[in-house]
Amino acid sequence: MELSEFTPQTAFHELDEYTSLIALSIIAMVDEEYGVTLNANDMSSAVTIDDLFNTVKARA
């Protein structure tokens, strides 16, 4: 998938490239960049990129 194809409604769990290692990388990046701690439940319950964004935004 090309970067230009990602939208807020993209279901990131369905992407071929998505793995548990990617999830850990997202958790670490969000913590470093925004000071927000995500956990595995947050990653599991977020279906779309927008869901994940809203979770981070609510805790920032």
PDB file of N, CA and C in Angstrom:
ATOM      1  N   MET A   1       0.850  -1.171   0.000  1.00  0.00           N
ATOM      2  CA  MET A   1       0.000   0.000   0.000  1.00  0.00           C
ATOM      3  C   MET A   1       0.896   1.234   0.000  1.00  0.00           C
ATOM      4  N   GLU A   2       0.585   2.165  -0.846  1.00  0.00           N
ATOM      5  CA  GLU A   2       1.340   3.409  -0.925  1.00  0.00           C
ATOM      6  C   GLU A   2       0.889   4.361   0.181  1.00  0.00           C
ATOM      7  N   LEU A   3       1.786   5.206   0.631  1.00  0.00           N
ATOM      8  CA  LEU A   3       1.482   6.163   1.689  1.00  0.00           C
ATOM      9  C   LEU A   3       0.266   7.006   1.333  1.00  0.00           C
ATOM     10  N   SER A   4       0.135   7.394   0.077  1.00  0.00           N
ATOM     11  CA  SER A   4      -0.975   8.242  -0.349  1.00  0.00           C
ATOM     12  C   SER A   4      -2.325   7.536  -0.240  1.00  0.00           C
ATOM     13  N   GLU A   5      -2.328   6.211  -0.061  1.00  0.00           N
ATOM     14  CA  GLU A   5      -3.562   5.450   0.039  1.00  0.00           C
ATOM     15  C   GLU A   5      -4.095   5.355   1.464  1.00  0.00           C
ATOM     16  N   PHE A   6      -3.328   5.798   2.437  1.00  0.00           N
ATOM     17  CA  PHE A   6      -3.779   5.770   3.824  1.00  0.00           C
ATOM     18  C   PHE A   6      -4.736   6.927   4.072  1.00  0.00           C
ATOM     19  N   THR A   7      -5.831   6.632   4.746  1.00  0.00           N
ATOM     20  CA  THR A   7      -6.800   7.648   5.143  1.00  0.00           C
ATOM     21  C   THR A   7      -7.126   7.430   6.614  1.00  0.00           C
ATOM     22  N   PRO A   8      -7.821   8.370   7.237  1.00  0.00           N
ATOM     23  CA  PRO A   8      -8.219   8.141   8.631  1.00  0.00           C
ATOM     24  C   PRO A   8      -9.074   6.884   8.802  1.00  0.00           C
ATOM     25  N   GLN A   9      -9.746   6.460   7.752  1.00  0.00           N
ATOM     26  CA  GLN A   9     -10.610   5.279   7.836  1.00  0.00           C
ATOM     27  C   GLN A   9      -9.882   3.971   7.507  1.00  0.00           C
ATOM     28  N   THR A  10      -8.591   4.035   7.224  1.00  0.00           N
ATOM     29  CA  THR A  10      -7.834   2.819   6.933  1.00  0.00           C
ATOM     30  C   THR A  10      -7.832   1.906   8.157  1.00  0.00           C
ATOM     31  N   ALA A  11      -8.251   0.664   7.959  1.00  0.00           N
ATOM     32  CA  ALA A  11      -8.231  -0.343   9.031  1.00  0.00           C
ATOM     33  C   ALA A  11      -6.827  -0.945   9.060  1.00  0.00           C
ATOM     34  N   PHE A  12      -5.993  -0.396   9.919  1.00  0.00           N
ATOM     35  CA  PHE A  12      -4.573  -0.750   9.883  1.00  0.00           C
ATOM     36  C   PHE A  12      -4.292  -2.200  10.264  1.00  0.00           C
ATOM     37  N   HIS A  13      -5.166  -2.821  11.034  1.00  0.00           N
ATOM     38  CA  HIS A  13      -4.976  -4.237  11.398  1.00  0.00           C
ATOM     39  C   HIS A  13      -5.064  -5.151  10.174  1.00  0.00           C
ATOM     40  N   GLU A  14      -5.739  -4.690   9.139  1.00  0.00           N
ATOM     41  CA  GLU A  14      -5.932  -5.507   7.949  1.00  0.00           C
ATOM     42  C   GLU A  14      -4.789  -5.378   6.937  1.00  0.00           C
ATOM     43  N   LEU A  15      -3.864  -4.474   7.179  1.00  0.00           N
ATOM     44  CA  LEU A  15      -2.748  -4.284   6.259  1.00  0.00           C
ATOM     45  C   LEU A  15      -1.796  -5.467   6.338  1.00  0.00           C
ATOM     46  N   ASP A  16      -1.304  -5.909   5.204  1.00  0.00           N
ATOM     47  CA  ASP A  16      -0.363  -7.034   5.172  1.00  0.00           C
ATOM     48  C   ASP A  16       0.889  -6.743   5.996  1.00  0.00           C
ATOM     49  N   GLU A  17       1.293  -5.488   6.033  1.00  0.00           N
ATOM     50  CA  GLU A  17       2.524  -5.100   6.719  1.00  0.00           C
ATOM     51  C   GLU A  17       2.368  -5.032   8.235  1.00  0.00           C
ATOM     52  N   TYR A  18       1.131  -5.053   8.742  1.00  0.00           N
ATOM     53  CA  TYR A  18       0.894  -4.885  10.179  1.00  0.00           C
ATOM     54  C   TYR A  18       1.232  -6.170  10.932  1.00  0.00           C
ATOM     55  N   THR A  19       2.097  -6.037  11.928  1.00  0.00           N
ATOM     56  CA  THR A  19       2.496  -7.154  12.779  1.00  0.00           C
ATOM     57  C   THR A  19       2.539  -6.681  14.221  1.00  0.00           C
ATOM     58  N   SER A  20       2.768  -7.585  15.132  1.00  0.00           N
ATOM     59  CA  SER A  20       2.895  -7.198  16.543  1.00  0.00           C
ATOM     60  C   SER A  20       4.119  -6.311  16.752  1.00  0.00           C
ATOM     61  N   LEU A  21       5.148  -6.501  15.946  1.00  0.00           N
ATOM     62  CA  LEU A  21       6.331  -5.639  16.038  1.00  0.00           C
ATOM     63  C   LEU A  21       5.996  -4.209  15.620  1.00  0.00           C
ATOM     64  N   ILE A  22       5.166  -4.063  14.610  1.00  0.00           N
ATOM     65  CA  ILE A  22       4.715  -2.728  14.194  1.00  0.00           C
ATOM     66  C   ILE A  22       3.901  -2.099  15.316  1.00  0.00           C
ATOM     67  N   ALA A  23       3.033  -2.883  15.957  1.00  0.00           N
ATOM     68  CA  ALA A  23       2.233  -2.366  17.072  1.00  0.00           C
ATOM     69  C   ALA A  23       3.137  -1.850  18.190  1.00  0.00           C
ATOM     70  N   LEU A  24       4.169  -2.607  18.527  1.00  0.00           N
ATOM     71  CA  LEU A  24       5.114  -2.154  19.562  1.00  0.00           C
ATOM     72  C   LEU A  24       5.843  -0.888  19.133  1.00  0.00           C
ATOM     73  N   SER A  25       6.161  -0.785  17.861  1.00  0.00           N
ATOM     74  CA  SER A  25       6.825   0.416  17.344  1.00  0.00           C
ATOM     75  C   SER A  25       5.910   1.629  17.451  1.00  0.00           C
ATOM     76  N   ILE A  26       4.628   1.441  17.149  1.00  0.00           N
ATOM     77  CA  ILE A  26       3.662   2.543  17.269  1.00  0.00           C
ATOM     78  C   ILE A  26       3.539   2.966  18.726  1.00  0.00           C
ATOM     79  N   ILE A  27       3.448   2.000  19.634  1.00  0.00           N
ATOM     80  CA  ILE A  27       3.356   2.312  21.064  1.00  0.00           C
ATOM     81  C   ILE A  27       4.572   3.123  21.512  1.00  0.00           C
ATOM     82  N   ALA A  28       5.758   2.709  21.108  1.00  0.00           N
ATOM     83  CA  ALA A  28       6.984   3.415  21.490  1.00  0.00           C
ATOM     84  C   ALA A  28       7.036   4.812  20.880  1.00  0.00           C
ATOM     85  N   MET A  29       6.646   4.947  19.620  1.00  0.00           N
ATOM     86  CA  MET A  29       6.674   6.249  18.949  1.00  0.00           C
ATOM     87  C   MET A  29       5.696   7.223  19.593  1.00  0.00           C
ATOM     88  N   VAL A  30       4.504   6.753  19.904  1.00  0.00           N
ATOM     89  CA  VAL A  30       3.500   7.618  20.533  1.00  0.00           C
ATOM     90  C   VAL A  30       3.996   8.076  21.902  1.00  0.00           C
ATOM     91  N   ASP A  31       4.604   7.178  22.650  1.00  0.00           N
ATOM     92  CA  ASP A  31       5.150   7.536  23.958  1.00  0.00           C
ATOM     93  C   ASP A  31       6.251   8.582  23.817  1.00  0.00           C
ATOM     94  N   GLU A  32       7.165   8.370  22.877  1.00  0.00           N
ATOM     95  CA  GLU A  32       8.283   9.290  22.692  1.00  0.00           C
ATOM     96  C   GLU A  32       7.842  10.642  22.141  1.00  0.00           C
ATOM     97  N   GLU A  33       6.985  10.625  21.145  1.00  0.00           N
ATOM     98  CA  GLU A  33       6.595  11.863  20.467  1.00  0.00           C
ATOM     99  C   GLU A  33       5.549  12.673  21.229  1.00  0.00           C
ATOM    100  N   TYR A  34       4.611  11.989  21.897  1.00  0.00           N
ATOM    101  CA  TYR A  34       3.472  12.675  22.508  1.00  0.00           C
ATOM    102  C   TYR A  34       3.367  12.483  24.017  1.00  0.00           C
ATOM    103  N   GLY A  35       4.230  11.640  24.594  1.00  0.00           N
ATOM    104  CA  GLY A  35       4.173  11.403  26.024  1.00  0.00           C
ATOM    105  C   GLY A  35       2.904  10.687  26.451  1.00  0.00           C
ATOM    106  N   VAL A  36       2.324   9.915  25.546  1.00  0.00           N
ATOM    107  CA  VAL A  36       1.092   9.179  25.811  1.00  0.00           C
ATOM    108  C   VAL A  36       1.417   7.693  25.818  1.00  0.00           C
ATOM    109  N   THR A  37       0.982   7.012  26.869  1.00  0.00           N
ATOM    110  CA  THR A  37       1.233   5.586  26.987  1.00  0.00           C
ATOM    111  C   THR A  37       0.044   4.808  26.457  1.00  0.00           C
ATOM    112  N   LEU A  38       0.297   4.003  25.440  1.00  0.00           N
ATOM    113  CA  LEU A  38      -0.712   3.087  24.898  1.00  0.00           C
ATOM    114  C   LEU A  38      -0.381   1.680  25.364  1.00  0.00           C
ATOM    115  N   ASN A  39      -1.392   0.824  25.392  1.00  0.00           N
ATOM    116  CA  ASN A  39      -1.151  -0.573  25.742  1.00  0.00           C
ATOM    117  C   ASN A  39      -1.743  -1.472  24.657  1.00  0.00           C
ATOM    118  N   ALA A  40      -1.604  -2.758  24.840  1.00  0.00           N
ATOM    119  CA  ALA A  40      -2.080  -3.719  23.838  1.00  0.00           C
ATOM    120  C   ALA A  40      -3.586  -3.608  23.624  1.00  0.00           C
ATOM    121  N   ASN A  41      -4.338  -3.349  24.676  1.00  0.00           N
ATOM    122  CA  ASN A  41      -5.787  -3.193  24.528  1.00  0.00           C
ATOM    123  C   ASN A  41      -6.132  -1.993  23.657  1.00  0.00           C
ATOM    124  N   ASP A  42      -5.373  -0.906  23.819  1.00  0.00           N
ATOM    125  CA  ASP A  42      -5.601   0.276  22.980  1.00  0.00           C
ATOM    126  C   ASP A  42      -5.384  -0.056  21.514  1.00  0.00           C
ATOM    127  N   MET A  43      -4.322  -0.803  21.241  1.00  0.00           N
ATOM    128  CA  MET A  43      -4.014  -1.172  19.867  1.00  0.00           C
ATOM    129  C   MET A  43      -5.065  -2.134  19.317  1.00  0.00           C
ATOM    130  N   SER A  44      -5.559  -3.023  20.142  1.00  0.00           N
ATOM    131  CA  SER A  44      -6.567  -3.993  19.700  1.00  0.00           C
ATOM    132  C   SER A  44      -7.921  -3.341  19.441  1.00  0.00           C
ATOM    133  N   SER A  45      -8.282  -2.391  20.287  1.00  0.00           N
ATOM    134  CA  SER A  45      -9.601  -1.783  20.150  1.00  0.00           C
ATOM    135  C   SER A  45      -9.661  -0.720  19.063  1.00  0.00           C
ATOM    136  N   ALA A  46      -8.521  -0.165  18.678  1.00  0.00           N
ATOM    137  CA  ALA A  46      -8.501   0.813  17.590  1.00  0.00           C
ATOM    138  C   ALA A  46      -8.572   0.056  16.268  1.00  0.00           C
ATOM    139  N   VAL A  47      -9.631   0.286  15.519  1.00  0.00           N
ATOM    140  CA  VAL A  47      -9.813  -0.399  14.245  1.00  0.00           C
ATOM    141  C   VAL A  47      -9.166   0.398  13.114  1.00  0.00           C
ATOM    142  N   THR A  48      -9.354   1.710  13.158  1.00  0.00           N
ATOM    143  CA  THR A  48      -8.849   2.563  12.089  1.00  0.00           C
ATOM    144  C   THR A  48      -7.741   3.478  12.599  1.00  0.00           C
ATOM    145  N   ILE A  49      -7.067   4.103  11.675  1.00  0.00           N
ATOM    146  CA  ILE A  49      -6.050   5.092  12.037  1.00  0.00           C
ATOM    147  C   ILE A  49      -6.702   6.215  12.840  1.00  0.00           C
ATOM    148  N   ASP A  50      -7.911   6.603  12.457  1.00  0.00           N
ATOM    149  CA  ASP A  50      -8.631   7.656  13.181  1.00  0.00           C
ATOM    150  C   ASP A  50      -8.941   7.242  14.615  1.00  0.00           C
ATOM    151  N   ASP A  51      -9.297   5.976  14.825  1.00  0.00           N
ATOM    152  CA  ASP A  51      -9.535   5.487  16.194  1.00  0.00           C
ATOM    153  C   ASP A  51      -8.276   5.646  17.041  1.00  0.00           C
ATOM    154  N   LEU A  52      -7.156   5.268  16.479  1.00  0.00           N
ATOM    155  CA  LEU A  52      -5.887   5.370  17.200  1.00  0.00           C
ATOM    156  C   LEU A  52      -5.551   6.829  17.483  1.00  0.00           C
ATOM    157  N   PHE A  53      -5.742   7.681  16.491  1.00  0.00           N
ATOM    158  CA  PHE A  53      -5.512   9.122  16.661  1.00  0.00           C
ATOM    159  C   PHE A  53      -6.369   9.675  17.796  1.00  0.00           C
ATOM    160  N   ASN A  54      -7.649   9.312  17.807  1.00  0.00           N
ATOM    161  CA  ASN A  54      -8.555   9.819  18.843  1.00  0.00           C
ATOM    162  C   ASN A  54      -8.177   9.327  20.230  1.00  0.00           C
ATOM    163  N   THR A  55      -7.681   8.116  20.333  1.00  0.00           N
ATOM    164  CA  THR A  55      -7.209   7.597  21.626  1.00  0.00           C
ATOM    165  C   THR A  55      -6.034   8.418  22.130  1.00  0.00           C
ATOM    166  N   VAL A  56      -5.077   8.664  21.247  1.00  0.00           N
ATOM    167  CA  VAL A  56      -3.898   9.465  21.622  1.00  0.00           C
ATOM    168  C   VAL A  56      -4.317  10.878  21.975  1.00  0.00           C
ATOM    169  N   LYS A  57      -5.166  11.477  21.166  1.00  0.00           N
ATOM    170  CA  LYS A  57      -5.624  12.856  21.389  1.00  0.00           C
ATOM    171  C   LYS A  57      -6.336  13.002  22.730  1.00  0.00           C
ATOM    172  N   ALA A  58      -7.144  12.008  23.095  1.00  0.00           N
ATOM    173  CA  ALA A  58      -7.882  12.060  24.352  1.00  0.00           C
ATOM    174  C   ALA A  58      -6.965  12.005  25.567  1.00  0.00           C
ATOM    175  N   ARG A  59      -5.790  11.413  25.420  1.00  0.00           N
ATOM    176  CA  ARG A  59      -4.872  11.267  26.552  1.00  0.00           C
ATOM    177  C   ARG A  59      -3.761  12.320  26.568  1.00  0.00           C
ATOM    178  N   ALA A  60      -3.661  13.078  25.514  1.00  0.00           N
ATOM    179  CA  ALA A  60      -2.583  14.078  25.430  1.00  0.00           C
ATOM    180  C   ALA A  60      -2.880  15.282  26.291  1.00  0.00           C
TER     181      ALA A  60
END
